Amino acid sequence: HFGRFLIFTEGAFKKLTEIYGSDSEAAPLKKGYHMPRAAMENADLARIINSTEVQSVLKPKLEAPKTHEPKRNALKNKAVMDSLNPGSLKRKAALQKSSEKGTTEFKEVQDKKKARQAESKEHNKKHKKGEETFYKTLMKAFEAKAAEAAAKKAGEEDAQEDEE
């Protein structure tokens, strides 16, 4: 088995020249047809490009632009945050300790919280008199009007019963 093995005879080559023509003359059997011709006479492109004549005329090779380091988010990257804000790691560690039960920092935070709550209660006792708050006075006025309306309604119902 030879696959696509073809053998051309001399007569076959003459017939091809008759149909398509040659490099120098046009095709006699095909009107206006010329054989395609190579765009370059010398196809050794690498030798042409690397020749001294071509290289002397070319511009020098451009250098790649300098790259810079990508920006890092300091809120997500602890090392960058520490470089921008040197006390951040210590502050975070102290905050962590203050939320762990059993540590002295936790006890200090709880003591401050209790003192703040006690101070708030003291302030409320001193400045916010229970019966004199705005909401309570508003509700008292409403209750008085509601009681007055209820009494008036009851009086009307009694009057209707008397008429019947």
N, C-alpha and C. Protein backbone atom coordinates (compact mmCIF):
# COMPACT_ATOMS: atom_id res chain seq x y z
N HIS A 1 0.86 -1.19 0.00
CA HIS A 1 0.00 0.00 0.00
C HIS A 1 0.89 1.23 0.00
N PHE A 2 0.71 2.07 -1.02
CA PHE A 2 1.54 3.28 -1.15
C PHE A 2 0.81 4.56 -0.77
N GLY A 3 -0.45 4.49 -0.38
CA GLY A 3 -1.20 5.68 0.01
C GLY A 3 -1.45 6.57 -1.17
N ARG A 4 -1.00 7.82 -1.10
CA ARG A 4 -1.22 8.76 -2.19
C ARG A 4 0.05 8.93 -3.03
N PHE A 5 0.69 7.89 -3.26
CA PHE A 5 1.94 7.91 -4.04
C PHE A 5 1.59 8.09 -5.51
N LEU A 6 2.01 9.20 -6.10
CA LEU A 6 1.72 9.50 -7.50
C LEU A 6 3.01 9.60 -8.29
N ILE A 7 2.96 9.16 -9.51
CA ILE A 7 4.10 9.30 -10.40
C ILE A 7 3.62 10.08 -11.61
N PHE A 8 4.28 11.22 -11.88
CA PHE A 8 3.92 12.01 -13.04
C PHE A 8 4.89 11.69 -14.18
N THR A 9 4.34 11.59 -15.33
CA THR A 9 5.16 11.32 -16.52
C THR A 9 5.54 12.64 -17.16
N GLU A 10 6.44 12.55 -18.13
CA GLU A 10 6.89 13.75 -18.82
C GLU A 10 5.73 14.38 -19.59
N GLY A 11 4.88 13.59 -20.13
CA GLY A 11 3.71 14.08 -20.87
C GLY A 11 2.75 14.83 -19.95
N ALA A 12 2.62 14.35 -18.72
CA ALA A 12 1.74 15.01 -17.76
C ALA A 12 2.26 16.40 -17.42
N PHE A 13 3.58 16.53 -17.29
CA PHE A 13 4.16 17.84 -16.98
C PHE A 13 3.98 18.80 -18.16
N LYS A 14 4.09 18.29 -19.37
CA LYS A 14 3.90 19.13 -20.56
C LYS A 14 2.46 19.62 -20.62
N LYS A 15 1.50 18.72 -20.30
CA LYS A 15 0.08 19.08 -20.33
C LYS A 15 -0.21 20.16 -19.26
N LEU A 16 0.39 20.04 -18.06
CA LEU A 16 0.22 21.06 -16.99
C LEU A 16 0.76 22.40 -17.46
N THR A 17 1.90 22.40 -18.13
CA THR A 17 2.48 23.64 -18.64
C THR A 17 1.56 24.25 -19.69
N GLU A 18 0.95 23.39 -20.50
CA GLU A 18 0.01 23.85 -21.53
C GLU A 18 -1.21 24.53 -20.89
N ILE A 19 -1.75 23.93 -19.81
CA ILE A 19 -2.95 24.46 -19.17
C ILE A 19 -2.63 25.72 -18.35
N TYR A 20 -1.64 25.66 -17.50
CA TYR A 20 -1.37 26.76 -16.55
C TYR A 20 -0.26 27.71 -16.97
N GLY A 21 0.52 27.34 -17.93
CA GLY A 21 1.62 28.18 -18.36
C GLY A 21 2.84 27.96 -17.49
N SER A 22 3.85 28.82 -17.67
CA SER A 22 5.06 28.71 -16.86
C SER A 22 5.35 30.06 -16.22
N ASP A 23 6.50 30.17 -15.54
CA ASP A 23 6.84 31.42 -14.86
C ASP A 23 7.01 32.56 -15.87
N SER A 24 7.54 32.24 -17.04
CA SER A 24 7.86 33.29 -18.00
C SER A 24 6.72 33.61 -18.96
N GLU A 25 5.85 32.64 -19.28
CA GLU A 25 4.77 32.90 -20.24
C GLU A 25 3.40 32.59 -19.64
N ALA A 26 2.36 33.24 -20.18
CA ALA A 26 0.99 33.07 -19.69
C ALA A 26 0.42 31.74 -20.15
N ALA A 27 -0.71 31.34 -19.59
CA ALA A 27 -1.34 30.06 -19.92
C ALA A 27 -2.08 30.18 -21.25
N PRO A 28 -1.78 29.29 -22.24
CA PRO A 28 -2.46 29.38 -23.52
C PRO A 28 -3.92 28.91 -23.45
N LEU A 29 -4.23 27.94 -22.61
CA LEU A 29 -5.59 27.41 -22.55
C LEU A 29 -6.47 28.18 -21.57
N LYS A 30 -5.89 28.95 -20.69
CA LYS A 30 -6.67 29.75 -19.72
C LYS A 30 -6.37 31.21 -20.01
N LYS A 31 -7.38 31.93 -20.43
CA LYS A 31 -7.18 33.33 -20.81
C LYS A 31 -6.85 34.18 -19.58
N GLY A 32 -5.82 34.96 -19.65
CA GLY A 32 -5.47 35.92 -18.60
C GLY A 32 -4.93 35.30 -17.33
N TYR A 33 -4.59 34.01 -17.34
CA TYR A 33 -4.08 33.37 -16.12
C TYR A 33 -2.57 33.36 -16.14
N HIS A 34 -1.99 33.81 -15.04
CA HIS A 34 -0.54 33.77 -14.87
C HIS A 34 -0.23 32.96 -13.63
N MET A 35 0.78 32.17 -13.67
CA MET A 35 1.19 31.35 -12.52
C MET A 35 1.58 32.28 -11.37
N PRO A 36 1.16 31.96 -10.14
CA PRO A 36 1.58 32.80 -9.02
C PRO A 36 3.08 32.73 -8.83
N ARG A 37 3.62 33.85 -8.48
CA ARG A 37 5.07 33.91 -8.35
C ARG A 37 5.43 34.28 -6.92
N ALA A 38 6.50 33.83 -6.44
CA ALA A 38 6.94 34.09 -5.06
C ALA A 38 7.14 35.59 -4.86
N ALA A 39 6.71 36.08 -3.72
CA ALA A 39 6.86 37.51 -3.43
C ALA A 39 8.31 37.87 -3.18
N MET A 40 9.08 36.90 -2.71
CA MET A 40 10.50 37.16 -2.42
C MET A 40 11.36 36.25 -3.29
N GLU A 41 12.43 36.81 -3.77
CA GLU A 41 13.36 35.99 -4.55
C GLU A 41 14.21 35.15 -3.60
N ASN A 42 14.63 35.78 -2.48
CA ASN A 42 15.46 35.07 -1.51
C ASN A 42 14.58 34.83 -0.27
N ALA A 43 14.21 33.60 -0.02
CA ALA A 43 13.28 33.30 1.08
C ALA A 43 13.98 33.06 2.41
N ASP A 44 15.29 33.26 2.48
CA ASP A 44 16.00 33.05 3.75
C ASP A 44 15.81 34.32 4.60
N LEU A 45 14.63 34.43 5.24
CA LEU A 45 14.24 35.63 5.97
C LEU A 45 15.12 35.88 7.19
N ALA A 46 15.50 34.84 7.90
CA ALA A 46 16.32 35.00 9.11
C ALA A 46 17.66 35.65 8.76
N ARG A 47 18.26 35.21 7.63
CA ARG A 47 19.56 35.77 7.24
C ARG A 47 19.42 37.23 6.84
N ILE A 48 18.28 37.56 6.20
CA ILE A 48 18.07 38.95 5.76
C ILE A 48 17.88 39.87 6.98
N ILE A 49 17.05 39.44 7.93
CA ILE A 49 16.77 40.28 9.11
C ILE A 49 18.02 40.48 9.95
N ASN A 50 18.82 39.45 10.08
CA ASN A 50 20.01 39.55 10.93
C ASN A 50 21.23 40.12 10.21
N SER A 51 21.04 40.51 8.97
CA SER A 51 22.18 41.08 8.23
C SER A 51 22.54 42.46 8.79
N THR A 52 23.77 42.85 8.61
CA THR A 52 24.25 44.13 9.16
C THR A 52 23.58 45.32 8.49
N GLU A 53 23.23 45.18 7.20
CA GLU A 53 22.58 46.28 6.49
C GLU A 53 21.23 46.62 7.13
N VAL A 54 20.44 45.58 7.46
CA VAL A 54 19.12 45.80 8.04
C VAL A 54 19.25 46.23 9.50
N GLN A 55 20.12 45.59 10.23
CA GLN A 55 20.28 45.88 11.66
C GLN A 55 20.80 47.30 11.90
N SER A 56 21.60 47.83 11.01
CA SER A 56 22.14 49.18 11.20
C SER A 56 21.06 50.25 11.05
N VAL A 57 19.99 49.96 10.31
CA VAL A 57 18.93 50.93 10.07
C VAL A 57 17.84 50.86 11.15
N LEU A 58 17.69 49.74 11.81
CA LEU A 58 16.63 49.55 12.80
C LEU A 58 16.84 50.41 14.05
N LYS A 59 15.72 50.76 14.70
CA LYS A 59 15.78 51.47 15.98
C LYS A 59 16.25 50.49 17.05
N PRO A 60 16.85 51.01 18.14
CA PRO A 60 17.28 50.09 19.20
C PRO A 60 16.07 49.42 19.88
N LYS A 61 16.29 48.25 20.43
CA LYS A 61 15.23 47.48 21.07
C LYS A 61 14.70 48.23 22.29
N LEU A 62 13.35 48.29 22.43
CA LEU A 62 12.73 48.98 23.56
C LEU A 62 12.83 48.12 24.82
N GLU A 63 13.09 48.79 25.92
CA GLU A 63 13.10 48.07 27.19
C GLU A 63 11.69 48.01 27.75
N ALA A 64 11.38 46.92 28.43
CA ALA A 64 10.05 46.77 29.02
C ALA A 64 9.86 47.80 30.13
N PRO A 65 8.64 48.34 30.27
CA PRO A 65 8.42 49.33 31.35
C PRO A 65 8.58 48.67 32.72
N LYS A 66 9.03 49.47 33.67
CA LYS A 66 9.25 48.94 35.01
C LYS A 66 7.91 48.64 35.67
N THR A 67 7.82 47.48 36.25
CA THR A 67 6.58 47.10 36.94
C THR A 67 6.66 47.54 38.39
N HIS A 68 5.50 47.78 38.99
CA HIS A 68 5.48 48.16 40.41
C HIS A 68 4.69 47.13 41.18
N GLU A 69 4.94 47.11 42.46
CA GLU A 69 4.28 46.13 43.33
C GLU A 69 2.80 46.46 43.45
N PRO A 70 1.93 45.45 43.40
CA PRO A 70 0.49 45.74 43.52
C PRO A 70 0.14 46.26 44.91
N LYS A 71 -0.88 47.11 44.96
CA LYS A 71 -1.29 47.69 46.24
C LYS A 71 -1.92 46.62 47.11
N ARG A 72 -1.55 46.60 48.36
CA ARG A 72 -2.13 45.64 49.31
C ARG A 72 -3.12 46.38 50.20
N ASN A 73 -4.23 45.73 50.52
CA ASN A 73 -5.25 46.32 51.38
C ASN A 73 -4.81 46.17 52.84
N ALA A 74 -4.59 47.27 53.51
CA ALA A 74 -4.09 47.25 54.88
C ALA A 74 -5.11 46.67 55.85
N LEU A 75 -6.40 46.75 55.50
CA LEU A 75 -7.42 46.21 56.39
C LEU A 75 -7.45 44.69 56.35
N LYS A 76 -6.96 44.10 55.26
CA LYS A 76 -6.95 42.64 55.12
C LYS A 76 -5.57 42.04 55.37
N ASN A 77 -4.52 42.80 55.14
CA ASN A 77 -3.16 42.30 55.24
C ASN A 77 -2.51 42.86 56.51
N LYS A 78 -2.26 41.98 57.48
CA LYS A 78 -1.74 42.42 58.79
C LYS A 78 -0.35 43.04 58.70
N ALA A 79 0.50 42.49 57.82
CA ALA A 79 1.86 43.01 57.70
C ALA A 79 1.85 44.44 57.16
N VAL A 80 1.00 44.71 56.18
CA VAL A 80 0.91 46.06 55.61
C VAL A 80 0.33 47.02 56.65
N MET A 81 -0.69 46.57 57.39
CA MET A 81 -1.28 47.42 58.43
C MET A 81 -0.23 47.76 59.48
N ASP A 82 0.60 46.80 59.84
CA ASP A 82 1.63 47.05 60.85
C ASP A 82 2.68 48.03 60.33
N SER A 83 2.97 47.97 59.03
CA SER A 83 3.95 48.92 58.48
C SER A 83 3.37 50.34 58.44
N LEU A 84 2.06 50.46 58.17
CA LEU A 84 1.42 51.78 58.14
C LEU A 84 1.15 52.30 59.54
N ASN A 85 0.74 51.40 60.42
CA ASN A 85 0.32 51.77 61.78
C ASN A 85 1.03 50.84 62.76
N PRO A 86 2.24 51.21 63.22
CA PRO A 86 3.06 50.29 64.00
C PRO A 86 2.41 49.72 65.27
N GLY A 87 1.46 50.42 65.88
CA GLY A 87 0.86 49.92 67.11
C GLY A 87 -0.36 49.04 66.89
N SER A 88 -0.71 48.77 65.63
CA SER A 88 -1.98 48.08 65.35
C SER A 88 -1.99 46.65 65.88
N LEU A 89 -0.87 45.93 65.76
CA LEU A 89 -0.84 44.53 66.23
C LEU A 89 -0.95 44.47 67.75
N LYS A 90 -0.27 45.39 68.42
CA LYS A 90 -0.35 45.42 69.89
C LYS A 90 -1.77 45.77 70.34
N ARG A 91 -2.38 46.73 69.63
CA ARG A 91 -3.74 47.14 69.97
C ARG A 91 -4.72 45.99 69.76
N LYS A 92 -4.55 45.25 68.68
CA LYS A 92 -5.43 44.11 68.41
C LYS A 92 -5.25 43.03 69.47
N ALA A 93 -4.01 42.80 69.88
CA ALA A 93 -3.73 41.78 70.90
C ALA A 93 -4.38 42.19 72.23
N ALA A 94 -4.29 43.48 72.57
CA ALA A 94 -4.90 43.97 73.81
C ALA A 94 -6.42 43.85 73.75
N LEU A 95 -7.00 44.14 72.60
CA LEU A 95 -8.45 44.01 72.42
C LEU A 95 -8.88 42.55 72.56
N GLN A 96 -8.07 41.65 72.02
CA GLN A 96 -8.37 40.22 72.12
C GLN A 96 -8.33 39.78 73.58
N LYS A 97 -7.31 40.24 74.31
CA LYS A 97 -7.19 39.87 75.73
C LYS A 97 -8.35 40.44 76.55
N SER A 98 -8.82 41.63 76.18
CA SER A 98 -9.89 42.25 76.95
C SER A 98 -11.22 41.53 76.77
N SER A 99 -11.33 40.70 75.73
CA SER A 99 -12.57 39.96 75.53
C SER A 99 -12.48 38.51 76.00
N GLU A 100 -11.31 38.07 76.48
CA GLU A 100 -11.14 36.71 77.00
C GLU A 100 -11.41 36.71 78.50
N LYS A 101 -12.31 35.84 78.93
CA LYS A 101 -12.63 35.78 80.37
C LYS A 101 -11.43 35.27 81.15
N GLY A 102 -11.29 35.81 82.36
CA GLY A 102 -10.21 35.35 83.24
C GLY A 102 -8.96 36.19 83.16
N THR A 103 -8.86 37.10 82.23
CA THR A 103 -7.65 37.94 82.14
C THR A 103 -7.87 39.23 82.92
N THR A 104 -6.77 39.88 83.27
CA THR A 104 -6.88 41.14 84.02
C THR A 104 -7.52 42.23 83.16
N GLU A 105 -7.21 42.20 81.84
CA GLU A 105 -7.79 43.20 80.92
C GLU A 105 -9.31 43.06 80.88
N PHE A 106 -9.81 41.82 80.86
CA PHE A 106 -11.25 41.57 80.84
C PHE A 106 -11.89 42.14 82.11
N LYS A 107 -11.23 41.92 83.25
CA LYS A 107 -11.76 42.42 84.53
C LYS A 107 -11.81 43.95 84.52
N GLU A 108 -10.76 44.59 83.99
CA GLU A 108 -10.74 46.05 83.91
C GLU A 108 -11.90 46.57 83.04
N VAL A 109 -12.14 45.92 81.92
CA VAL A 109 -13.22 46.34 81.01
C VAL A 109 -14.57 46.19 81.71
N GLN A 110 -14.75 45.09 82.42
CA GLN A 110 -16.03 44.86 83.12
C GLN A 110 -16.24 45.89 84.24
N ASP A 111 -15.14 46.24 84.96
CA ASP A 111 -15.23 47.25 86.01
C ASP A 111 -15.62 48.61 85.43
N LYS A 112 -15.01 48.97 84.28
CA LYS A 112 -15.35 50.23 83.62
C LYS A 112 -16.81 50.24 83.18
N LYS A 113 -17.28 49.09 82.68
CA LYS A 113 -18.66 48.98 82.22
C LYS A 113 -19.64 49.17 83.39
N LYS A 114 -19.33 48.53 84.53
CA LYS A 114 -20.19 48.66 85.71
C LYS A 114 -20.21 50.11 86.20
N ALA A 115 -19.04 50.77 86.21
CA ALA A 115 -18.96 52.16 86.65
C ALA A 115 -19.78 53.05 85.72
N ARG A 116 -19.69 52.80 84.41
CA ARG A 116 -20.43 53.59 83.44
C ARG A 116 -21.95 53.41 83.62
N GLN A 117 -22.38 52.18 83.87
CA GLN A 117 -23.80 51.91 84.07
C GLN A 117 -24.30 52.57 85.36
N ALA A 118 -23.49 52.50 86.42
CA ALA A 118 -23.87 53.12 87.69
C ALA A 118 -23.98 54.64 87.53
N GLU A 119 -23.03 55.22 86.79
CA GLU A 119 -23.06 56.67 86.55
C GLU A 119 -24.30 57.05 85.75
N SER A 120 -24.68 56.21 84.79
CA SER A 120 -25.88 56.47 83.98
C SER A 120 -27.14 56.41 84.84
N LYS A 121 -27.20 55.42 85.73
CA LYS A 121 -28.36 55.31 86.64
C LYS A 121 -28.46 56.53 87.54
N GLU A 122 -27.32 56.95 88.05
CA GLU A 122 -27.28 58.13 88.94
C GLU A 122 -27.76 59.37 88.19
N HIS A 123 -27.31 59.51 86.96
CA HIS A 123 -27.72 60.66 86.15
C HIS A 123 -29.23 60.62 85.90
N ASN A 124 -29.76 59.43 85.57
CA ASN A 124 -31.20 59.30 85.30
C ASN A 124 -32.03 59.63 86.54
N LYS A 125 -31.56 59.19 87.71
CA LYS A 125 -32.28 59.49 88.95
C LYS A 125 -32.30 60.99 89.22
N LYS A 126 -31.18 61.63 88.94
CA LYS A 126 -31.04 63.04 89.25
C LYS A 126 -31.82 63.92 88.25
N HIS A 127 -31.73 63.61 86.95
CA HIS A 127 -32.27 64.49 85.92
C HIS A 127 -33.60 64.03 85.31
N LYS A 128 -33.97 62.79 85.42
CA LYS A 128 -35.20 62.30 84.81
C LYS A 128 -36.16 61.85 85.90
N LYS A 129 -36.99 62.75 86.31
CA LYS A 129 -37.97 62.45 87.35
C LYS A 129 -39.04 61.56 86.73
N GLY A 130 -39.36 60.46 87.35
CA GLY A 130 -40.24 59.43 86.80
C GLY A 130 -41.56 59.94 86.28
N GLU A 131 -42.32 60.71 87.06
CA GLU A 131 -43.65 61.16 86.65
C GLU A 131 -43.61 62.35 85.72
N GLU A 132 -42.49 63.03 85.66
CA GLU A 132 -42.43 64.27 84.88
C GLU A 132 -41.82 64.08 83.49
N THR A 133 -41.64 62.86 83.08
CA THR A 133 -41.08 62.66 81.74
C THR A 133 -42.10 63.05 80.70
N PHE A 134 -41.63 63.39 79.51
CA PHE A 134 -42.50 63.88 78.44
C PHE A 134 -43.57 62.84 78.08
N TYR A 135 -43.15 61.61 77.93
CA TYR A 135 -44.08 60.57 77.52
C TYR A 135 -45.19 60.39 78.56
N LYS A 136 -44.79 60.38 79.83
CA LYS A 136 -45.79 60.16 80.88
C LYS A 136 -46.78 61.32 80.96
N THR A 137 -46.31 62.55 80.79
CA THR A 137 -47.23 63.70 80.82
C THR A 137 -48.16 63.64 79.61
N LEU A 138 -47.65 63.21 78.49
CA LEU A 138 -48.46 63.07 77.29
C LEU A 138 -49.56 62.03 77.51
N MET A 139 -49.20 60.92 78.11
CA MET A 139 -50.15 59.85 78.36
C MET A 139 -51.21 60.28 79.39
N LYS A 140 -50.80 61.08 80.38
CA LYS A 140 -51.77 61.57 81.37
C LYS A 140 -52.84 62.41 80.70
N ALA A 141 -52.43 63.29 79.80
CA ALA A 141 -53.38 64.13 79.07
C ALA A 141 -54.33 63.26 78.24
N PHE A 142 -53.80 62.24 77.63
CA PHE A 142 -54.62 61.34 76.82
C PHE A 142 -55.61 60.59 77.69
N GLU A 143 -55.12 60.10 78.84
CA GLU A 143 -56.01 59.36 79.75
C GLU A 143 -57.14 60.26 80.26
N ALA A 144 -56.84 61.53 80.54
CA ALA A 144 -57.86 62.47 81.01
C ALA A 144 -58.92 62.67 79.93
N LYS A 145 -58.48 62.84 78.67
CA LYS A 145 -59.43 63.02 77.57
C LYS A 145 -60.24 61.76 77.36
N ALA A 146 -59.61 60.61 77.47
CA ALA A 146 -60.31 59.34 77.27
C ALA A 146 -61.35 59.15 78.36
N ALA A 147 -61.01 59.48 79.61
CA ALA A 147 -61.96 59.34 80.72
C ALA A 147 -63.13 60.30 80.53
N GLU A 148 -62.85 61.51 80.06
CA GLU A 148 -63.89 62.51 79.83
C GLU A 148 -64.83 62.05 78.72
N ALA A 149 -64.26 61.48 77.65
CA ALA A 149 -65.07 60.98 76.53
C ALA A 149 -65.94 59.81 76.98
N ALA A 150 -65.36 58.93 77.80
CA ALA A 150 -66.11 57.77 78.30
C ALA A 150 -67.27 58.24 79.18
N ALA A 151 -67.05 59.25 80.03
CA ALA A 151 -68.10 59.78 80.90
C ALA A 151 -69.20 60.42 80.08
N LYS A 152 -68.83 61.12 79.04
CA LYS A 152 -69.81 61.78 78.18
C LYS A 152 -70.68 60.74 77.47
N LYS A 153 -70.02 59.67 76.99
CA LYS A 153 -70.73 58.60 76.29
C LYS A 153 -71.69 57.90 77.24
N ALA A 154 -71.23 57.64 78.47
CA ALA A 154 -72.08 57.00 79.48
C ALA A 154 -73.28 57.89 79.80
N GLY A 155 -73.07 59.20 79.87
CA GLY A 155 -74.16 60.14 80.13
C GLY A 155 -75.17 60.13 79.02
N GLU A 156 -74.72 60.02 77.76
CA GLU A 156 -75.64 59.97 76.63
C GLU A 156 -76.47 58.69 76.64
N GLU A 157 -75.82 57.58 76.98
CA GLU A 157 -76.54 56.30 77.04
C GLU A 157 -77.61 56.32 78.14
N ASP A 158 -77.28 56.93 79.28
CA ASP A 158 -78.27 57.04 80.37
C ASP A 158 -79.45 57.90 79.93
N ALA A 159 -79.16 58.96 79.18
CA ALA A 159 -80.24 59.85 78.71
C ALA A 159 -81.15 59.10 77.73
N GLN A 160 -80.59 58.28 76.90
CA GLN A 160 -81.40 57.51 75.94
C GLN A 160 -82.27 56.48 76.68
N GLU A 161 -81.72 55.85 77.68
CA GLU A 161 -82.49 54.87 78.45
C GLU A 161 -83.65 55.53 79.18
N ASP A 162 -83.43 56.75 79.67
CA ASP A 162 -84.49 57.47 80.39
C ASP A 162 -85.64 57.83 79.41
N GLU A 163 -85.30 58.15 78.19
CA GLU A 163 -86.33 58.52 77.23
C GLU A 163 -87.20 57.32 76.86
N GLU A 164 -86.63 56.15 76.87
CA GLU A 164 -87.38 54.96 76.48
C GLU A 164 -88.22 54.54 77.60
